[in-house]
Amino acid sequence: MDEPVIAAKGPAVLELEPGTYYWCRCGRSRNQPFCDGSHKGTGLKPLEFRLEEKKKLALCQCKRTANPPYCDGTHRSL
């Protein structure tokens, strides 16, 4: 399995509508922080998460969080 690429050293702060989302785990997506299929062949798969209501979130882009898909501040130590 490949190591994830650091897409950015800071979270993507977004206000998202209710629905199903696929967070990029590999860091290769050009649609960060969401999956665009670039993980194929890496052994990494996107993480599905669902929102029941509109919410403002900080989604991890360094791909090192201990609480995926949410930012936990790990990027500060990279």
N, C-alpha and C. Protein backbone atom coordinates (compact mmCIF):
# COMPACT_ATOMS: atom_id res chain seq x y z
N MET A 1 0.84 -1.18 0.00
CA MET A 1 0.00 0.00 0.00
C MET A 1 0.89 1.24 0.00
N ASP A 2 0.54 2.21 -0.83
CA ASP A 2 1.27 3.46 -0.91
C ASP A 2 0.97 4.35 0.30
N GLU A 3 1.91 5.23 0.61
CA GLU A 3 1.69 6.26 1.62
C GLU A 3 0.86 7.37 1.00
N PRO A 4 -0.05 7.98 1.75
CA PRO A 4 -0.81 9.10 1.20
C PRO A 4 0.10 10.31 0.96
N VAL A 5 -0.23 11.07 -0.05
CA VAL A 5 0.46 12.31 -0.39
C VAL A 5 -0.15 13.43 0.45
N ILE A 6 0.67 14.34 0.94
CA ILE A 6 0.15 15.51 1.65
C ILE A 6 -0.39 16.47 0.60
N ALA A 7 -1.71 16.62 0.57
CA ALA A 7 -2.34 17.50 -0.41
C ALA A 7 -2.17 18.97 -0.01
N ALA A 8 -2.23 19.24 1.29
CA ALA A 8 -2.04 20.60 1.82
C ALA A 8 -1.75 20.50 3.30
N LYS A 9 -1.05 21.49 3.83
CA LYS A 9 -0.72 21.51 5.25
C LYS A 9 -1.69 22.40 6.01
N GLY A 10 -2.95 22.15 5.78
CA GLY A 10 -4.03 22.86 6.45
C GLY A 10 -5.34 22.25 6.02
N PRO A 11 -6.39 22.43 6.82
CA PRO A 11 -7.67 21.83 6.50
C PRO A 11 -8.42 22.58 5.41
N ALA A 12 -9.37 21.90 4.81
CA ALA A 12 -10.34 22.53 3.91
C ALA A 12 -11.56 22.82 4.77
N VAL A 13 -11.83 24.08 5.02
CA VAL A 13 -12.98 24.47 5.83
C VAL A 13 -14.14 24.75 4.86
N LEU A 14 -15.17 23.90 4.97
CA LEU A 14 -16.28 23.95 4.03
C LEU A 14 -17.61 23.87 4.75
N GLU A 15 -18.62 24.48 4.17
CA GLU A 15 -19.99 24.32 4.65
C GLU A 15 -20.67 23.38 3.66
N LEU A 16 -21.02 22.19 4.13
CA LEU A 16 -21.55 21.16 3.26
C LEU A 16 -23.03 20.91 3.53
N GLU A 17 -23.73 20.61 2.47
CA GLU A 17 -25.15 20.27 2.53
C GLU A 17 -25.30 18.81 2.97
N PRO A 18 -26.48 18.42 3.44
CA PRO A 18 -26.71 17.02 3.76
C PRO A 18 -26.44 16.14 2.54
N GLY A 19 -25.89 14.97 2.78
CA GLY A 19 -25.61 14.06 1.68
C GLY A 19 -24.45 13.13 1.99
N THR A 20 -24.05 12.37 0.99
CA THR A 20 -22.94 11.42 1.10
C THR A 20 -21.73 11.99 0.38
N TYR A 21 -20.57 11.91 1.02
CA TYR A 21 -19.33 12.45 0.48
C TYR A 21 -18.25 11.38 0.55
N TYR A 22 -17.25 11.52 -0.30
CA TYR A 22 -16.12 10.59 -0.33
C TYR A 22 -14.84 11.38 -0.15
N TRP A 23 -14.25 11.26 1.03
CA TRP A 23 -13.02 11.98 1.38
C TRP A 23 -11.83 11.25 0.79
N CYS A 24 -10.96 11.98 0.14
CA CYS A 24 -9.75 11.43 -0.47
C CYS A 24 -8.76 11.03 0.61
N ARG A 25 -8.35 9.76 0.63
CA ARG A 25 -7.35 9.28 1.57
C ARG A 25 -5.94 9.29 0.98
N CYS A 26 -5.84 9.26 -0.35
CA CYS A 26 -4.53 9.12 -0.99
C CYS A 26 -3.79 10.45 -1.16
N GLY A 27 -4.52 11.56 -1.19
CA GLY A 27 -3.92 12.87 -1.38
C GLY A 27 -3.66 13.23 -2.84
N ARG A 28 -4.00 12.35 -3.77
CA ARG A 28 -3.71 12.57 -5.19
C ARG A 28 -4.86 13.25 -5.95
N SER A 29 -6.03 13.30 -5.35
CA SER A 29 -7.19 13.88 -6.02
C SER A 29 -6.95 15.34 -6.38
N ARG A 30 -7.43 15.73 -7.52
CA ARG A 30 -7.37 17.15 -7.92
C ARG A 30 -8.60 17.90 -7.44
N ASN A 31 -9.47 17.18 -6.74
CA ASN A 31 -10.72 17.75 -6.22
C ASN A 31 -10.70 17.71 -4.68
N GLN A 32 -9.55 18.03 -4.08
CA GLN A 32 -9.39 17.96 -2.63
C GLN A 32 -10.46 18.78 -1.92
N PRO A 33 -10.95 18.28 -0.81
CA PRO A 33 -10.56 17.08 -0.10
C PRO A 33 -11.35 15.84 -0.51
N PHE A 34 -12.01 15.91 -1.65
CA PHE A 34 -12.87 14.82 -2.10
C PHE A 34 -12.19 13.95 -3.15
N CYS A 35 -12.63 12.71 -3.24
CA CYS A 35 -12.07 11.73 -4.17
C CYS A 35 -12.46 12.03 -5.61
N ASP A 36 -11.51 11.85 -6.52
CA ASP A 36 -11.79 11.94 -7.96
C ASP A 36 -11.36 10.67 -8.69
N GLY A 37 -11.03 9.62 -7.92
CA GLY A 37 -10.62 8.35 -8.52
C GLY A 37 -9.13 8.20 -8.71
N SER A 38 -8.35 9.19 -8.33
CA SER A 38 -6.89 9.14 -8.53
C SER A 38 -6.20 8.08 -7.67
N HIS A 39 -6.90 7.49 -6.73
CA HIS A 39 -6.32 6.49 -5.84
C HIS A 39 -6.10 5.14 -6.52
N LYS A 40 -6.67 4.93 -7.68
CA LYS A 40 -6.58 3.63 -8.33
C LYS A 40 -5.14 3.16 -8.44
N GLY A 41 -4.88 1.94 -7.96
CA GLY A 41 -3.54 1.37 -7.98
C GLY A 41 -2.69 1.69 -6.77
N THR A 42 -3.21 2.48 -5.82
CA THR A 42 -2.43 2.86 -4.65
C THR A 42 -2.66 1.95 -3.45
N GLY A 43 -3.76 1.21 -3.47
CA GLY A 43 -4.13 0.41 -2.30
C GLY A 43 -4.91 1.22 -1.28
N LEU A 44 -5.12 2.49 -1.54
CA LEU A 44 -5.90 3.36 -0.66
C LEU A 44 -7.27 3.59 -1.29
N LYS A 45 -8.28 3.65 -0.45
CA LYS A 45 -9.65 3.86 -0.92
C LYS A 45 -10.23 5.08 -0.22
N PRO A 46 -11.17 5.78 -0.86
CA PRO A 46 -11.78 6.94 -0.21
C PRO A 46 -12.63 6.53 0.99
N LEU A 47 -12.84 7.47 1.88
CA LEU A 47 -13.66 7.25 3.06
C LEU A 47 -15.03 7.88 2.82
N GLU A 48 -16.07 7.08 2.88
CA GLU A 48 -17.43 7.58 2.74
C GLU A 48 -17.88 8.16 4.07
N PHE A 49 -18.48 9.36 4.02
CA PHE A 49 -19.11 9.91 5.23
C PHE A 49 -20.39 10.61 4.83
N ARG A 50 -21.32 10.66 5.77
CA ARG A 50 -22.65 11.22 5.50
C ARG A 50 -22.96 12.34 6.48
N LEU A 51 -23.67 13.33 5.97
CA LEU A 51 -24.16 14.42 6.80
C LEU A 51 -25.68 14.40 6.76
N GLU A 52 -26.28 14.54 7.91
CA GLU A 52 -27.74 14.57 8.01
C GLU A 52 -28.28 16.00 7.94
N GLU A 53 -27.40 16.97 8.20
CA GLU A 53 -27.81 18.37 8.16
C GLU A 53 -26.65 19.21 7.65
N LYS A 54 -26.96 20.42 7.21
CA LYS A 54 -25.93 21.34 6.73
C LYS A 54 -24.96 21.61 7.87
N LYS A 55 -23.65 21.58 7.56
CA LYS A 55 -22.65 21.71 8.61
C LYS A 55 -21.37 22.31 8.08
N LYS A 56 -20.71 23.13 8.90
CA LYS A 56 -19.39 23.66 8.57
C LYS A 56 -18.36 22.72 9.19
N LEU A 57 -17.43 22.24 8.36
CA LEU A 57 -16.44 21.25 8.78
C LEU A 57 -15.03 21.65 8.35
N ALA A 58 -14.05 21.17 9.10
CA ALA A 58 -12.65 21.29 8.70
C ALA A 58 -12.19 19.89 8.32
N LEU A 59 -12.03 19.65 7.01
CA LEU A 59 -11.64 18.33 6.52
C LEU A 59 -10.13 18.28 6.30
N CYS A 60 -9.52 17.20 6.76
CA CYS A 60 -8.08 17.01 6.68
C CYS A 60 -7.60 16.96 5.23
N GLN A 61 -6.50 17.64 4.96
CA GLN A 61 -5.87 17.57 3.65
C GLN A 61 -4.43 17.05 3.73
N CYS A 62 -3.90 16.92 4.95
CA CYS A 62 -2.55 16.36 5.09
C CYS A 62 -2.59 14.83 5.08
N LYS A 63 -3.77 14.27 5.28
CA LYS A 63 -4.01 12.82 5.24
C LYS A 63 -3.35 12.08 6.39
N ARG A 64 -3.03 12.78 7.48
CA ARG A 64 -2.38 12.17 8.64
C ARG A 64 -3.25 12.24 9.90
N THR A 65 -4.46 12.76 9.79
CA THR A 65 -5.34 12.89 10.95
C THR A 65 -5.62 11.55 11.61
N ALA A 66 -5.81 11.57 12.91
CA ALA A 66 -6.21 10.37 13.65
C ALA A 66 -7.74 10.24 13.68
N ASN A 67 -8.43 11.22 13.11
CA ASN A 67 -9.90 11.24 13.13
C ASN A 67 -10.45 11.54 11.74
N PRO A 68 -10.14 10.69 10.74
CA PRO A 68 -10.58 10.98 9.38
C PRO A 68 -12.10 10.99 9.25
N PRO A 69 -12.64 11.89 8.47
CA PRO A 69 -12.00 12.81 7.55
C PRO A 69 -11.70 14.19 8.15
N TYR A 70 -11.88 14.31 9.46
CA TYR A 70 -11.79 15.62 10.10
C TYR A 70 -10.37 15.99 10.50
N CYS A 71 -10.05 17.26 10.37
CA CYS A 71 -8.73 17.76 10.76
C CYS A 71 -8.59 17.68 12.27
N ASP A 72 -7.45 17.19 12.75
CA ASP A 72 -7.15 17.16 14.18
C ASP A 72 -5.90 17.98 14.52
N GLY A 73 -5.41 18.75 13.55
CA GLY A 73 -4.25 19.61 13.78
C GLY A 73 -2.91 18.94 13.52
N THR A 74 -2.90 17.71 13.08
CA THR A 74 -1.65 16.99 12.82
C THR A 74 -0.77 17.73 11.81
N HIS A 75 -1.37 18.47 10.88
CA HIS A 75 -0.61 19.19 9.86
C HIS A 75 0.41 20.16 10.47
N ARG A 76 0.16 20.63 11.68
CA ARG A 76 1.08 21.59 12.33
C ARG A 76 2.44 20.97 12.64
N SER A 77 2.50 19.64 12.72
CA SER A 77 3.76 18.97 13.06
C SER A 77 4.49 18.40 11.83
N LEU A 78 3.98 18.68 10.64
CA LEU A 78 4.61 18.14 9.42
C LEU A 78 5.67 19.07 8.88
